[in-house]
Amino acid sequence: MITQVYRERTAADLKSRISKVLLNGNETKIVEITIQGAVVTVLTHREEDIKHIESVQVLDEQNNVITDRTTDLDVSNNRTLDFRFTFEVV
């Protein structure tokens, strides 16, 4: 069994490594990265003028992909988008 202390330590390591979020291959600003126990949450800046979303990626400090999502989503006019990623170490 993995202890809660180790899970929290691993979550803290993940938090320290998250360096950027790419939206359709372009970097979008990270507003905050929070940690609560073994849960890490990443929140991005609101983006305007996005008409279509094809991919969202979270990268580490060495530009390795931590997670990515591929989609084919049209965004209606006058919408701003932010993205929230939640990672739970189990």
N, C-alpha and C. Protein backbone atom coordinates (compact mmCIF):
# COMPACT_ATOMS: atom_id res chain seq x y z
N MET A 1 0.85 -1.18 0.00
CA MET A 1 0.00 0.00 0.00
C MET A 1 0.89 1.24 0.00
N ILE A 2 0.53 2.20 -0.82
CA ILE A 2 1.26 3.47 -0.87
C ILE A 2 0.68 4.39 0.20
N THR A 3 1.55 4.95 1.03
CA THR A 3 1.10 5.78 2.13
C THR A 3 0.66 7.16 1.64
N GLN A 4 -0.16 7.80 2.44
CA GLN A 4 -0.63 9.15 2.12
C GLN A 4 0.55 10.12 2.06
N VAL A 5 1.50 9.97 2.95
CA VAL A 5 2.67 10.87 2.96
C VAL A 5 3.42 10.76 1.63
N TYR A 6 3.61 9.54 1.13
CA TYR A 6 4.32 9.38 -0.13
C TYR A 6 3.51 9.93 -1.30
N ARG A 7 2.20 9.74 -1.27
CA ARG A 7 1.35 10.29 -2.33
C ARG A 7 1.45 11.81 -2.35
N GLU A 8 1.44 12.45 -1.19
CA GLU A 8 1.55 13.90 -1.11
C GLU A 8 2.92 14.37 -1.58
N ARG A 9 3.95 13.63 -1.26
CA ARG A 9 5.31 13.98 -1.72
C ARG A 9 5.40 13.89 -3.24
N THR A 10 4.79 12.86 -3.82
CA THR A 10 4.78 12.69 -5.27
C THR A 10 3.98 13.81 -5.94
N ALA A 11 2.86 14.20 -5.33
CA ALA A 11 2.05 15.30 -5.86
C ALA A 11 2.85 16.61 -5.83
N ALA A 12 3.60 16.84 -4.76
CA ALA A 12 4.43 18.04 -4.66
C ALA A 12 5.50 18.04 -5.75
N ASP A 13 6.07 16.87 -6.05
CA ASP A 13 7.05 16.76 -7.13
C ASP A 13 6.40 17.09 -8.47
N LEU A 14 5.23 16.54 -8.72
CA LEU A 14 4.51 16.84 -9.97
C LEU A 14 4.25 18.33 -10.08
N LYS A 15 3.78 18.95 -9.01
CA LYS A 15 3.49 20.39 -9.03
C LYS A 15 4.73 21.18 -9.40
N SER A 16 5.87 20.80 -8.87
CA SER A 16 7.10 21.55 -9.14
C SER A 16 7.59 21.37 -10.57
N ARG A 17 7.17 20.31 -11.24
CA ARG A 17 7.64 20.03 -12.59
C ARG A 17 6.75 20.62 -13.69
N ILE A 18 5.51 20.90 -13.40
CA ILE A 18 4.60 21.45 -14.42
C ILE A 18 5.09 22.84 -14.80
N SER A 19 5.36 23.04 -16.10
CA SER A 19 5.93 24.32 -16.50
C SER A 19 5.11 25.08 -17.54
N LYS A 20 4.34 24.37 -18.36
CA LYS A 20 3.56 25.10 -19.37
C LYS A 20 2.37 24.27 -19.85
N VAL A 21 1.41 25.01 -20.41
CA VAL A 21 0.23 24.41 -21.03
C VAL A 21 0.20 24.92 -22.47
N LEU A 22 0.03 23.99 -23.40
CA LEU A 22 -0.07 24.35 -24.81
C LEU A 22 -1.51 24.15 -25.27
N LEU A 23 -2.05 25.16 -25.94
CA LEU A 23 -3.38 25.10 -26.53
C LEU A 23 -3.19 25.19 -28.03
N ASN A 24 -3.53 24.13 -28.73
CA ASN A 24 -3.30 24.05 -30.19
C ASN A 24 -1.83 24.32 -30.53
N GLY A 25 -0.94 23.89 -29.66
CA GLY A 25 0.49 24.05 -29.90
C GLY A 25 1.08 25.38 -29.46
N ASN A 26 0.23 26.29 -28.98
CA ASN A 26 0.69 27.61 -28.52
C ASN A 26 0.58 27.68 -27.00
N GLU A 27 1.61 28.25 -26.39
CA GLU A 27 1.62 28.33 -24.93
C GLU A 27 0.55 29.29 -24.43
N THR A 28 -0.17 28.85 -23.40
CA THR A 28 -1.13 29.69 -22.71
C THR A 28 -0.66 29.83 -21.27
N LYS A 29 -0.85 30.97 -20.70
CA LYS A 29 -0.32 31.28 -19.38
C LYS A 29 -1.00 30.45 -18.29
N ILE A 30 -0.19 29.96 -17.36
CA ILE A 30 -0.71 29.29 -16.18
C ILE A 30 -0.99 30.35 -15.12
N VAL A 31 -2.22 30.38 -14.64
CA VAL A 31 -2.61 31.34 -13.62
C VAL A 31 -2.18 30.85 -12.24
N GLU A 32 -2.43 29.57 -11.96
CA GLU A 32 -2.02 29.02 -10.67
C GLU A 32 -1.93 27.50 -10.73
N ILE A 33 -1.07 27.00 -9.88
CA ILE A 33 -0.97 25.57 -9.65
C ILE A 33 -1.11 25.39 -8.15
N THR A 34 -2.14 24.66 -7.74
CA THR A 34 -2.39 24.45 -6.32
C THR A 34 -2.25 22.98 -5.98
N ILE A 35 -2.02 22.74 -4.73
CA ILE A 35 -1.92 21.37 -4.25
C ILE A 35 -2.71 21.27 -2.95
N GLN A 36 -3.48 20.20 -2.87
CA GLN A 36 -4.22 19.92 -1.64
C GLN A 36 -4.08 18.44 -1.38
N GLY A 37 -3.28 18.09 -0.41
CA GLY A 37 -3.00 16.68 -0.14
C GLY A 37 -2.26 16.07 -1.32
N ALA A 38 -2.88 15.09 -1.94
CA ALA A 38 -2.28 14.41 -3.09
C ALA A 38 -2.93 14.84 -4.41
N VAL A 39 -3.61 15.99 -4.41
CA VAL A 39 -4.29 16.48 -5.60
C VAL A 39 -3.63 17.78 -6.07
N VAL A 40 -3.24 17.80 -7.35
CA VAL A 40 -2.63 18.97 -7.96
C VAL A 40 -3.62 19.52 -9.00
N THR A 41 -3.86 20.83 -8.96
CA THR A 41 -4.76 21.46 -9.91
C THR A 41 -4.03 22.58 -10.64
N VAL A 42 -4.16 22.58 -11.96
CA VAL A 42 -3.56 23.60 -12.81
C VAL A 42 -4.69 24.39 -13.46
N LEU A 43 -4.61 25.72 -13.37
CA LEU A 43 -5.61 26.60 -13.97
C LEU A 43 -4.91 27.55 -14.93
N THR A 44 -5.44 27.66 -16.14
CA THR A 44 -4.84 28.53 -17.14
C THR A 44 -5.56 29.88 -17.21
N HIS A 45 -4.91 30.81 -17.84
CA HIS A 45 -5.45 32.13 -18.14
C HIS A 45 -6.63 31.98 -19.11
N ARG A 46 -7.58 32.87 -19.05
CA ARG A 46 -8.69 32.85 -20.01
C ARG A 46 -8.19 33.28 -21.38
N GLU A 47 -8.53 32.51 -22.38
CA GLU A 47 -8.13 32.80 -23.76
C GLU A 47 -9.32 33.32 -24.54
N GLU A 48 -9.07 34.37 -25.31
CA GLU A 48 -10.09 34.93 -26.18
C GLU A 48 -9.72 34.63 -27.63
N ASP A 49 -10.66 34.79 -28.51
CA ASP A 49 -10.45 34.64 -29.95
C ASP A 49 -10.02 33.24 -30.36
N ILE A 50 -10.36 32.25 -29.57
CA ILE A 50 -10.12 30.86 -29.95
C ILE A 50 -11.39 30.37 -30.65
N LYS A 51 -11.25 29.95 -31.89
CA LYS A 51 -12.41 29.49 -32.66
C LYS A 51 -12.53 27.97 -32.70
N HIS A 52 -11.39 27.29 -32.50
CA HIS A 52 -11.39 25.84 -32.62
C HIS A 52 -10.30 25.27 -31.70
N ILE A 53 -10.62 24.20 -31.01
CA ILE A 53 -9.64 23.54 -30.15
C ILE A 53 -9.35 22.16 -30.72
N GLU A 54 -8.07 21.93 -30.95
CA GLU A 54 -7.62 20.63 -31.45
C GLU A 54 -6.83 19.86 -30.42
N SER A 55 -6.04 20.57 -29.60
CA SER A 55 -5.24 19.86 -28.60
C SER A 55 -4.92 20.76 -27.41
N VAL A 56 -4.77 20.13 -26.26
CA VAL A 56 -4.33 20.79 -25.04
C VAL A 56 -3.31 19.86 -24.41
N GLN A 57 -2.15 20.41 -24.05
CA GLN A 57 -1.09 19.61 -23.45
C GLN A 57 -0.54 20.31 -22.21
N VAL A 58 -0.16 19.51 -21.22
CA VAL A 58 0.56 19.99 -20.05
C VAL A 58 1.96 19.42 -20.15
N LEU A 59 2.98 20.31 -20.04
CA LEU A 59 4.37 19.90 -20.20
C LEU A 59 5.15 20.12 -18.92
N ASP A 60 6.22 19.32 -18.76
CA ASP A 60 7.10 19.50 -17.61
C ASP A 60 8.24 20.44 -17.95
N GLU A 61 9.17 20.58 -17.04
CA GLU A 61 10.27 21.54 -17.21
C GLU A 61 11.23 21.16 -18.33
N GLN A 62 11.17 19.92 -18.81
CA GLN A 62 12.01 19.48 -19.92
C GLN A 62 11.20 19.34 -21.22
N ASN A 63 10.02 19.93 -21.24
CA ASN A 63 9.10 19.89 -22.38
C ASN A 63 8.60 18.48 -22.71
N ASN A 64 8.61 17.60 -21.72
CA ASN A 64 8.00 16.28 -21.88
C ASN A 64 6.51 16.41 -21.59
N VAL A 65 5.70 15.68 -22.32
CA VAL A 65 4.25 15.74 -22.14
C VAL A 65 3.86 14.98 -20.87
N ILE A 66 3.17 15.67 -19.98
CA ILE A 66 2.61 15.03 -18.79
C ILE A 66 1.25 14.44 -19.15
N THR A 67 0.45 15.24 -19.81
CA THR A 67 -0.84 14.75 -20.29
C THR A 67 -1.23 15.56 -21.52
N ASP A 68 -2.02 14.95 -22.38
CA ASP A 68 -2.53 15.68 -23.54
C ASP A 68 -3.92 15.18 -23.89
N ARG A 69 -4.66 16.08 -24.47
CA ARG A 69 -6.02 15.79 -24.92
C ARG A 69 -6.14 16.25 -26.35
N THR A 70 -6.70 15.40 -27.18
CA THR A 70 -6.97 15.75 -28.57
C THR A 70 -8.47 15.82 -28.74
N THR A 71 -8.92 16.87 -29.42
CA THR A 71 -10.35 17.06 -29.61
C THR A 71 -10.59 17.75 -30.95
N ASP A 72 -11.82 17.89 -31.30
CA ASP A 72 -12.23 18.62 -32.50
C ASP A 72 -13.45 19.44 -32.10
N LEU A 73 -13.18 20.55 -31.41
CA LEU A 73 -14.24 21.32 -30.78
C LEU A 73 -14.25 22.75 -31.31
N ASP A 74 -15.39 23.15 -31.89
CA ASP A 74 -15.57 24.53 -32.31
C ASP A 74 -16.02 25.34 -31.11
N VAL A 75 -15.55 26.57 -31.02
CA VAL A 75 -15.90 27.47 -29.92
C VAL A 75 -16.76 28.59 -30.49
N SER A 76 -17.90 28.81 -29.86
CA SER A 76 -18.80 29.85 -30.35
C SER A 76 -18.22 31.24 -30.10
N ASN A 77 -18.72 32.21 -30.85
CA ASN A 77 -18.25 33.59 -30.75
C ASN A 77 -18.48 34.14 -29.35
N ASN A 78 -17.66 35.12 -29.00
CA ASN A 78 -17.78 35.83 -27.72
C ASN A 78 -17.62 34.92 -26.50
N ARG A 79 -16.82 33.89 -26.65
CA ARG A 79 -16.53 32.99 -25.53
C ARG A 79 -15.07 33.12 -25.14
N THR A 80 -14.82 33.10 -23.86
CA THR A 80 -13.45 33.00 -23.37
C THR A 80 -13.34 31.65 -22.68
N LEU A 81 -12.18 31.05 -22.77
CA LEU A 81 -11.98 29.72 -22.23
C LEU A 81 -10.80 29.70 -21.27
N ASP A 82 -10.95 28.99 -20.19
CA ASP A 82 -9.80 28.64 -19.38
C ASP A 82 -9.83 27.14 -19.20
N PHE A 83 -8.71 26.58 -18.83
CA PHE A 83 -8.61 25.14 -18.71
C PHE A 83 -8.13 24.79 -17.31
N ARG A 84 -8.71 23.73 -16.77
CA ARG A 84 -8.36 23.26 -15.44
C ARG A 84 -8.02 21.77 -15.55
N PHE A 85 -6.85 21.43 -15.06
CA PHE A 85 -6.42 20.05 -15.02
C PHE A 85 -6.26 19.65 -13.56
N THR A 86 -6.81 18.50 -13.21
CA THR A 86 -6.68 18.01 -11.84
C THR A 86 -6.04 16.64 -11.90
N PHE A 87 -4.94 16.50 -11.16
CA PHE A 87 -4.21 15.24 -11.07
C PHE A 87 -4.29 14.75 -9.63
N GLU A 88 -4.71 13.51 -9.44
CA GLU A 88 -4.70 12.93 -8.11
C GLU A 88 -3.72 11.76 -8.09
N VAL A 89 -2.78 11.83 -7.19
CA VAL A 89 -1.80 10.74 -7.05
C VAL A 89 -2.44 9.66 -6.18
N VAL A 90 -2.58 8.49 -6.74
CA VAL A 90 -3.20 7.38 -6.00
C VAL A 90 -2.26 6.21 -5.85
